[in-house]
Amino acid sequence: MTSRTYSGLSASERDAERRSRLLAAGRELIGTQGYAAVSVEKLCAASKVSSRHFYQLYENKEAAFLDVYDSITKQSLDSAVASLEATEGEPMMQRIPKAFLAYVGPMVEDIRAARIAFVEIMGASPLIEQRRLSYRELLVDLVVSEGAAAVQRGELVDRDFRFATLALTGAANAIVYDWTLREDREDSAALEAQLTELALDLLAR
């Protein structure tokens, strides 16, 4: 049985287009108003997606928020991995800042993404917290693996890379949280530079 098309789009293509609009609306509304203040009705109105089609894509608002969070965090993790692959063979003192900027850059260059990834995600629900922790573990595993390899090559002094990564992510969360709340916040480039120095202190120096 073939899928019916409307306006030249198949059913799966229409679903993908609606999801894209909902993701954009979620980033805008949750990133400016906060998760608690955003309803399914607001998401549907902003994205011009009917509630019927919303519930064909998502079970509830929580599921839609997870999709928004996934889209932001996965992009950052993928960028960090790509940076490490592209700089393989370079000294770790150069690779760490590049990889860290690749990870944190997309989230601090868009304050809506920063608010979602560092503020709204905290304590939103048990399921959302579980997702946050799973992404944190992926980051920890990545740093531990790269750190151990650098120690074997004699580039870094051995240390507890898990502890260092947890310290870095905890500090980054508090720093970016404060940054999003301040009306007199510095630009994202200055914030990135400060966070990069922190990453170097904890992971490489």
Protein backbone atom coordinates (compact mmCIF):
# COMPACT_ATOMS: atom_id res chain seq x y z
CA MET A 1 0.00 0.00 0.00
CA THR A 2 1.48 3.34 -1.01
CA SER A 3 1.43 6.48 1.10
CA ARG A 4 -0.90 9.23 -0.07
CA THR A 5 0.71 12.55 -0.96
CA TYR A 6 -0.53 16.10 -0.36
CA SER A 7 1.18 19.12 -1.89
CA GLY A 8 3.83 16.75 -3.19
CA LEU A 9 4.74 15.42 0.28
CA SER A 10 4.32 11.89 1.58
CA ALA A 11 2.91 11.22 5.05
CA SER A 12 6.40 10.69 6.50
CA GLU A 13 7.65 13.89 4.88
CA ARG A 14 4.71 15.83 6.33
CA ASP A 15 5.45 14.37 9.77
CA ALA A 16 9.10 15.40 9.44
CA GLU A 17 8.08 18.91 8.43
CA ARG A 18 5.68 19.21 11.40
CA ARG A 19 8.35 17.90 13.76
CA SER A 20 10.80 20.48 12.44
CA ARG A 21 8.31 23.28 13.14
CA LEU A 22 7.59 21.92 16.61
CA LEU A 23 11.31 21.70 17.40
CA ALA A 24 11.77 25.32 16.34
CA ALA A 25 8.76 26.41 18.40
CA GLY A 26 9.98 24.40 21.39
CA ARG A 27 13.41 25.98 21.26
CA GLU A 28 11.90 29.45 21.06
CA LEU A 29 9.18 29.08 23.70
CA ILE A 30 10.97 26.88 26.24
CA GLY A 31 14.20 28.80 25.66
CA THR A 32 12.50 32.14 26.45
CA GLN A 33 9.52 31.36 28.71
CA GLY A 34 10.66 28.16 30.47
CA TYR A 35 9.41 24.59 30.36
CA ALA A 36 6.74 25.02 33.05
CA ALA A 37 5.18 28.00 31.26
CA VAL A 38 4.83 26.28 27.89
CA SER A 39 1.79 24.15 27.13
CA VAL A 40 1.03 21.82 24.26
CA GLU A 41 -1.47 24.42 23.06
CA LYS A 42 1.26 27.07 22.92
CA LEU A 43 3.58 24.76 21.02
CA CYS A 44 0.85 23.94 18.51
CA ALA A 45 -0.12 27.58 18.02
CA ALA A 46 3.47 28.72 17.53
CA SER A 47 4.31 25.90 15.12
CA LYS A 48 0.95 25.92 13.30
CA VAL A 49 0.61 22.20 13.99
CA SER A 50 -2.77 20.88 15.09
CA SER A 51 -3.07 19.13 18.44
CA ARG A 52 -4.13 16.00 16.58
CA HIS A 53 -0.90 15.97 14.62
CA PHE A 54 1.09 16.88 17.75
CA TYR A 55 -0.14 13.76 19.51
CA GLN A 56 0.68 11.67 16.48
CA LEU A 57 4.30 12.71 16.97
CA TYR A 58 4.59 13.00 20.76
CA GLU A 59 2.89 11.36 23.71
CA ASN A 60 2.92 14.60 25.73
CA LYS A 61 4.77 17.86 26.37
CA GLU A 62 7.57 16.02 28.16
CA ALA A 63 8.28 13.94 25.05
CA ALA A 64 8.39 17.08 22.90
CA PHE A 65 10.80 18.73 25.35
CA LEU A 66 13.05 15.68 25.27
CA ASP A 67 13.15 15.90 21.49
CA VAL A 68 14.18 19.57 21.68
CA TYR A 69 16.84 18.77 24.30
CA ASP A 70 18.10 15.80 22.28
CA SER A 71 18.44 17.93 19.16
CA ILE A 72 20.59 20.47 21.05
CA THR A 73 22.74 18.06 23.06
CA LYS A 74 23.30 15.52 20.29
CA GLN A 75 24.53 18.30 18.02
CA SER A 76 27.03 19.36 20.68
CA LEU A 77 28.28 15.83 21.35
CA ASP A 78 28.57 15.05 17.65
CA SER A 79 30.52 18.28 17.14
CA ALA A 80 32.92 17.39 19.96
CA VAL A 81 33.52 13.90 18.56
CA ALA A 82 34.05 15.30 15.07
CA SER A 83 36.54 17.83 16.46
CA LEU A 84 38.53 15.13 18.24
CA GLU A 85 38.60 13.01 15.09
CA ALA A 86 39.68 15.97 12.97
CA THR A 87 42.51 16.92 15.35
CA GLU A 88 43.84 13.42 15.96
CA GLY A 89 47.62 13.58 16.26
CA GLU A 90 47.70 17.16 17.53
CA PRO A 91 48.80 17.91 21.12
CA MET A 92 46.02 17.53 23.70
CA MET A 93 46.55 21.12 24.86
CA GLN A 94 45.28 22.14 21.43
CA ARG A 95 42.68 19.43 20.99
CA ILE A 96 40.90 20.03 24.31
CA PRO A 97 39.99 23.69 23.66
CA LYS A 98 38.80 22.89 20.14
CA ALA A 99 36.69 19.93 21.27
CA PHE A 100 35.26 21.79 24.25
CA LEU A 101 34.33 24.79 22.12
CA ALA A 102 32.75 22.42 19.60
CA TYR A 103 30.67 20.97 22.44
CA VAL A 104 29.63 24.11 24.28
CA GLY A 105 29.59 26.52 21.34
CA PRO A 106 26.12 25.72 19.92
CA MET A 107 24.60 25.99 23.40
CA VAL A 108 26.05 29.35 24.41
CA GLU A 109 25.88 31.06 21.02
CA ASP A 110 22.08 30.72 21.22
CA ILE A 111 20.88 31.76 24.68
CA ARG A 112 17.66 29.80 24.15
CA ALA A 113 19.66 26.60 23.72
CA ALA A 114 21.78 27.48 26.75
CA ARG A 115 18.68 27.97 28.89
CA ILE A 116 17.22 24.65 27.75
CA ALA A 117 20.43 22.63 28.14
CA PHE A 118 21.69 24.17 31.39
CA VAL A 119 18.62 25.52 33.18
CA GLU A 120 15.26 24.10 32.10
CA ILE A 121 16.56 20.53 31.96
CA MET A 122 17.34 20.54 35.70
CA GLY A 123 14.63 18.84 37.75
CA ALA A 124 11.97 19.04 35.06
CA SER A 125 10.93 15.40 35.58
CA PRO A 126 12.51 12.05 36.49
CA LEU A 127 12.57 10.96 32.84
CA ILE A 128 14.18 14.20 31.71
CA GLU A 129 16.76 13.95 34.50
CA GLN A 130 17.55 10.40 33.39
CA ARG A 131 18.16 11.66 29.85
CA ARG A 132 20.41 14.46 31.13
CA LEU A 133 22.48 11.99 33.11
CA SER A 134 22.77 9.63 30.14
CA TYR A 135 24.23 12.42 28.00
CA ARG A 136 26.57 13.35 30.84
CA GLU A 137 27.83 9.77 30.95
CA LEU A 138 28.50 9.84 27.21
CA LEU A 139 30.61 12.96 27.72
CA VAL A 140 32.41 11.42 30.70
CA ASP A 141 33.19 8.26 28.73
CA LEU A 142 34.53 10.31 25.84
CA VAL A 143 36.84 12.37 28.06
CA VAL A 144 38.02 9.36 30.08
CA SER A 145 38.89 7.48 26.89
CA GLU A 146 40.74 10.41 25.30
CA GLY A 147 42.47 11.25 28.59
CA ALA A 148 43.71 7.69 29.15
CA ALA A 149 45.08 7.56 25.60
CA ALA A 150 46.87 10.89 26.11
CA VAL A 151 48.42 9.59 29.35
CA GLN A 152 49.69 6.50 27.49
CA ARG A 153 51.29 8.77 24.91
CA GLY A 154 52.94 10.80 27.65
CA GLU A 155 51.02 13.99 26.82
CA LEU A 156 49.11 14.34 30.07
CA VAL A 157 49.75 13.55 33.70
CA ASP A 158 47.40 10.82 34.87
CA ARG A 159 44.44 12.01 36.89
CA ASP A 160 40.87 11.02 37.73
CA PHE A 161 39.35 12.08 34.41
CA ARG A 162 35.85 11.12 35.52
CA PHE A 163 36.13 13.41 38.53
CA ALA A 164 37.59 16.18 36.37
CA THR A 165 34.79 15.87 33.80
CA LEU A 166 32.09 15.92 36.48
CA ALA A 167 33.74 18.97 38.05
CA LEU A 168 33.84 20.67 34.65
CA THR A 169 30.23 19.90 33.73
CA GLY A 170 29.01 20.96 37.18
CA ALA A 171 30.92 24.22 37.05
CA ALA A 172 29.86 24.89 33.46
CA ASN A 173 26.23 24.34 34.42
CA ALA A 174 26.43 26.86 37.28
CA ILE A 175 28.39 29.39 35.19
CA VAL A 176 26.07 29.22 32.17
CA TYR A 177 22.99 29.28 34.43
CA ASP A 178 24.24 32.51 36.00
CA TRP A 179 25.11 33.90 32.56
CA THR A 180 21.60 33.31 31.21
CA LEU A 181 20.04 35.15 34.15
CA ARG A 182 22.19 38.27 33.96
CA GLU A 183 20.89 41.25 32.01
CA ASP A 184 24.46 42.60 31.72
CA ARG A 185 25.85 39.29 30.44
CA GLU A 186 29.10 39.31 28.49
CA ASP A 187 29.07 38.08 24.93
CA SER A 188 29.26 34.37 24.22
CA ALA A 189 32.87 34.55 22.95
CA ALA A 190 34.08 35.80 26.35
CA LEU A 191 32.12 33.08 28.12
CA GLU A 192 33.54 30.42 25.80
CA ALA A 193 37.08 31.65 26.50
CA GLN A 194 36.55 31.41 30.27
CA LEU A 195 35.03 27.94 30.02
CA THR A 196 37.89 26.77 27.80
CA GLU A 197 40.45 27.92 30.36
CA LEU A 198 38.52 26.00 33.01
CA ALA A 199 38.55 22.88 30.81
CA LEU A 200 42.30 23.14 30.35
CA ASP A 201 42.89 23.61 34.09
CA LEU A 202 40.83 20.56 34.98
CA LEU A 203 41.78 18.22 32.14
CA ALA A 204 45.24 19.10 30.88
CA ARG A 205 47.36 21.29 33.13
